[in-house]
Protein backbone atom coordinates (compact mmCIF):
# COMPACT_ATOMS: atom_id res chain seq x y z
CA MET A 1 83.42 -65.99 64.74
CA CYS A 2 80.74 -66.32 68.00
CA TRP A 3 81.19 -64.91 71.73
CA SER A 4 81.19 -68.58 73.26
CA ALA A 5 81.00 -72.26 72.44
CA THR A 6 77.29 -72.13 72.17
CA ALA A 7 76.27 -68.93 70.49
CA ASP A 8 78.58 -70.65 67.74
CA LEU A 9 77.08 -73.57 67.80
CA VAL A 10 73.33 -72.18 67.45
CA ALA A 11 74.28 -70.01 65.27
CA GLY A 12 76.35 -71.94 62.86
CA THR A 13 73.31 -75.02 63.15
CA ALA A 14 71.13 -72.09 61.65
CA VAL A 15 73.66 -70.71 59.53
CA THR A 16 73.76 -73.82 57.87
CA THR A 17 70.32 -74.74 57.43
CA ILE A 18 70.00 -71.66 55.47
CA GLY A 19 72.96 -72.86 53.24
CA VAL A 20 70.97 -76.70 52.95
CA VAL A 21 67.51 -74.26 51.77
CA CYS A 22 70.32 -72.77 49.03
CA VAL A 23 71.07 -75.48 48.02
CA ALA A 24 68.21 -76.94 47.19
CA ARG A 25 66.20 -74.44 45.32
CA LEU A 26 69.46 -74.00 43.08
CA ARG A 27 67.96 -73.89 39.98
CA ARG A 28 71.68 -73.93 37.83
CA ALA A 29 74.69 -75.57 38.39
CA ARG A 30 77.62 -73.18 37.84
CA ASP A 31 75.29 -71.19 41.28
CA LEU A 32 75.77 -74.05 43.49
CA PRO A 33 78.99 -72.73 44.32
CA LEU A 34 78.10 -69.04 45.79
CA ALA A 35 74.97 -70.67 46.95
CA ALA A 36 76.98 -72.93 49.06
CA LEU A 37 78.50 -70.37 50.72
CA PRO A 38 76.34 -70.36 53.35
CA LEU A 39 77.33 -74.09 54.15
CA LEU A 40 80.74 -73.27 54.65
CA LEU A 41 80.41 -70.49 57.24
CA GLY A 42 77.95 -72.59 58.55
CA ALA A 43 80.57 -75.32 58.94
CA HIS A 44 83.25 -72.90 59.95
CA GLN A 45 81.45 -72.20 62.99
CA ILE A 46 80.53 -75.08 64.31
CA ILE A 47 84.25 -75.67 64.13
CA GLU A 48 84.67 -72.50 66.20
CA ALA A 49 82.66 -74.84 69.04
CA ALA A 50 85.38 -77.00 69.14
CA VAL A 51 88.24 -74.83 69.61
CA TRP A 52 85.94 -72.83 71.95
CA ALA A 53 85.33 -76.36 73.43
CA SER A 54 89.21 -77.50 73.82
CA GLY A 55 90.46 -73.98 75.24
CA GLY A 56 91.88 -72.56 72.26
CA GLY A 57 95.26 -74.31 71.43
CA ALA A 58 96.40 -75.60 68.52
CA GLY A 59 94.66 -78.62 67.49
CA PRO A 60 92.91 -79.78 64.39
CA ALA A 61 89.56 -77.65 64.95
CA THR A 62 91.49 -74.64 65.13
CA VAL A 63 93.94 -75.31 62.20
CA ALA A 64 90.66 -76.50 60.32
CA TRP A 65 89.14 -72.93 61.26
CA ALA A 66 92.41 -70.84 59.93
CA VAL A 67 91.78 -72.63 56.61
CA ILE A 68 88.15 -72.34 55.68
CA ALA A 69 89.12 -68.18 57.02
CA LEU A 70 91.72 -68.47 55.22
CA PRO A 71 92.73 -70.25 51.91
CA VAL A 72 89.53 -71.52 50.98
CA LEU A 73 87.38 -68.09 51.17
CA ALA A 74 89.96 -66.36 49.17
CA VAL A 75 89.74 -68.57 46.48
CA TRP A 76 85.73 -69.74 47.30
CA VAL A 77 83.82 -66.52 46.99
CA PRO A 78 85.99 -65.32 43.91
CA ALA A 79 85.33 -68.40 41.63
CA GLY A 80 82.03 -68.31 42.49
CA VAL A 81 80.99 -65.19 41.72
CA LEU A 82 83.08 -65.22 38.61
CA LEU A 83 80.76 -68.46 38.06
CA ALA A 84 77.82 -67.59 38.62
CA ALA A 85 78.41 -63.89 37.20
CA PRO A 86 76.54 -62.84 33.38
CA ALA A 87 78.26 -63.28 30.94
CA ARG A 88 78.83 -58.65 31.08
CA ALA A 89 80.72 -59.17 34.20
CA ARG A 90 83.12 -62.08 33.93
CA ARG A 91 85.86 -60.51 32.03
CA ARG A 92 86.02 -57.70 35.20
CA LEU A 93 86.35 -60.56 37.73
CA ILE A 94 89.49 -62.37 36.43
CA ALA A 95 90.90 -59.79 37.88
CA PRO A 96 89.50 -61.15 42.02
CA ALA A 97 89.84 -64.69 40.77
CA LEU A 98 93.21 -64.24 40.31
CA VAL A 99 94.47 -62.18 43.17
CA GLY A 100 92.15 -64.55 45.77
CA LEU A 101 94.04 -68.01 44.02
CA ALA A 102 97.46 -66.08 44.51
CA THR A 103 96.73 -65.33 47.93
CA ALA A 104 95.22 -68.52 48.63
CA THR A 105 98.39 -70.01 47.65
CA ALA A 106 100.55 -67.26 50.33
CA LEU A 107 97.68 -68.13 52.79
CA ALA A 108 97.83 -72.01 52.80
CA TYR A 109 101.97 -72.63 52.12
CA CYS A 110 101.64 -70.86 55.65
CA LEU A 111 99.57 -72.46 57.20
CA ALA A 112 101.73 -76.03 55.86
CA THR A 113 104.84 -74.74 57.82
CA ARG A 114 103.71 -72.56 60.90
CA THR A 115 102.28 -73.19 63.12
CA VAL A 116 98.39 -71.45 64.23
CA THR A 117 96.63 -71.18 67.74
CA ALA A 118 94.41 -69.53 68.96
CA GLU A 119 93.56 -68.13 72.38
CA VAL A 120 90.82 -67.42 74.58
CA ARG A 121 90.46 -63.76 75.26
CA GLY A 122 87.40 -62.77 77.17
CA HIS A 123 84.47 -62.90 75.02
CA THR A 124 86.65 -63.56 71.69
CA LEU A 125 89.03 -65.53 70.39
CA GLY A 126 92.23 -64.96 68.74
CA TYR A 127 93.84 -66.53 65.81
CA VAL A 128 97.53 -66.00 65.91
CA VAL A 129 99.71 -67.70 62.87
CA GLU A 130 103.06 -65.72 61.05
CA LEU A 131 102.56 -64.05 58.05
CA PRO A 132 104.77 -62.31 55.32
CA TYR A 133 103.78 -58.72 53.90
CA VAL A 134 100.51 -59.12 55.87
CA PRO A 135 99.86 -55.34 53.76
CA LEU A 136 100.16 -57.19 51.24
CA ILE A 137 97.75 -60.46 51.60
CA VAL A 138 95.00 -58.96 53.69
CA THR A 139 95.10 -56.50 50.79
CA GLY A 140 95.09 -58.91 47.82
CA TYR A 141 92.24 -60.77 50.22
CA VAL A 142 89.67 -58.06 50.82
CA VAL A 143 90.79 -57.27 46.58
CA ALA A 144 89.19 -61.15 45.92
CA THR A 145 86.53 -61.07 48.43
CA VAL A 146 85.07 -57.86 48.85
CA GLY A 147 86.08 -56.64 45.95
CA SER A 148 84.35 -59.49 43.40
CA LEU A 149 81.47 -59.42 45.20
CA LEU A 150 81.02 -55.41 44.77
CA LEU A 151 82.08 -56.33 40.64
CA GLY A 152 79.41 -59.30 40.77
CA GLY A 153 76.75 -57.69 38.15
CA ASP A 154 74.08 -58.77 40.16
CA PRO A 155 72.38 -56.06 42.54
CA VAL A 156 71.85 -59.07 46.06
CA VAL A 157 75.59 -59.74 45.43
CA ARG A 158 76.19 -55.69 45.74
CA LEU A 159 74.82 -55.90 48.09
CA LEU A 160 76.24 -58.61 49.75
CA GLY A 161 79.75 -56.98 49.14
CA ALA A 162 78.70 -53.27 50.46
CA VAL A 163 77.38 -55.44 53.41
CA VAL A 164 79.96 -57.41 53.95
CA GLY A 165 83.28 -55.01 53.37
CA CYS A 166 81.64 -52.34 55.99
CA GLY A 167 80.06 -54.86 58.48
CA ALA A 168 84.22 -56.50 57.95
CA VAL A 169 84.99 -53.34 59.91
CA LEU A 170 83.05 -52.87 62.88
CA CYS A 171 82.95 -56.83 63.23
CA LEU A 172 87.22 -55.97 63.33
CA LEU A 173 87.14 -53.37 65.91
CA LEU A 174 84.73 -54.71 68.31
CA TRP A 175 87.21 -57.42 68.26
CA ARG A 176 90.45 -56.12 68.24
CA LEU A 177 88.44 -53.90 71.75
CA GLU A 178 88.29 -57.74 72.70
CA PHE A 179 84.18 -57.13 74.20
CA VAL A 180 82.41 -58.92 72.02
CA SER A 181 82.48 -60.92 68.30
CA THR A 182 80.38 -60.60 65.94
CA TRP A 183 81.31 -62.08 63.02
CA CYS A 184 78.55 -64.44 63.59
CA ALA A 185 75.86 -62.50 63.49
CA LEU A 186 77.25 -61.11 59.94
CA ALA A 187 77.39 -64.28 58.62
CA ALA A 188 73.72 -65.18 59.48
CA VAL A 189 73.00 -61.59 57.25
CA ALA A 190 75.57 -62.87 54.16
CA SER A 191 73.24 -65.99 54.17
CA VAL A 192 70.16 -64.27 54.32
CA LEU A 193 71.07 -61.97 51.50
CA MET A 194 72.42 -65.45 49.87
CA LEU A 195 69.17 -66.73 49.69
CA ALA A 196 67.44 -64.19 48.69
CA TRP A 197 70.00 -64.67 45.91
CA VAL A 198 69.17 -68.08 45.18
CA ARG A 199 65.28 -67.33 45.42
CA ARG A 200 65.63 -64.71 42.79
CA ARG A 201 68.30 -66.59 40.08
CA PRO A 202 66.67 -67.27 36.65
CA GLU A 203 65.71 -70.57 34.93
CA GLY A 204 68.46 -71.85 33.60
CA PRO A 205 68.26 -74.25 30.24
CA PRO A 206 65.74 -77.10 29.79
CA PRO A 207 68.53 -80.35 29.09
CA ALA A 208 69.13 -81.44 25.32
CA LEU A 209 67.01 -83.78 24.03
CA SER A 210 69.28 -87.25 23.57
CA GLY A 211 68.70 -88.03 19.41
CA GLY A 212 68.71 -84.53 17.80
CA ARG A 213 67.00 -80.87 18.34
CA PRO A 214 63.03 -80.79 20.29
CA SER A 215 61.37 -80.37 17.51
CA ALA A 216 58.50 -77.27 17.47
CA GLY A 217 55.27 -77.95 19.66
CA ARG A 218 51.88 -77.16 17.27
């Protein structure tokens, strides 16, 4: 996701720190999966630092990177958006969540039955795994992740979807040219937006008192 092991480690630590702040400021339990997304992205980058250090190959770090990048995010993002969304938006988010589940199932099967490898290509890392029906899987992945964010119902979540969608296109072009990997910068921007989202979340309902209904004050 970054152009070197050091860059991945520094960026991953910064994004993870933002994730800790997001979780610490959390006000409602159902917001936890989405608020914890920077923690996942930060861990992802730190794992890739280990891939750089090993020179690529098919080791545990490469597999862990692929598991997070492919099936985990395909489920995590739409499920997190669905849980955190206001009631009026949840019905339209069921479809992306189901698409994400189906896509993640296919990706998990491929990772379990086929070898994933990483190779250093200049200032980028190339990951290779044999996937069937690539256009269908890519479409499902985009619908599940970017699509759910755009349909999330919250202005910051929709902005995150637009930033992730446009940023991913730019990062993909730079990565395919093997010029430099800038995915870590996109993860950092996404994490800052997640922090802004957490800070403006409403308070959750107070816990119910045991032994009956709370009495009204005089």
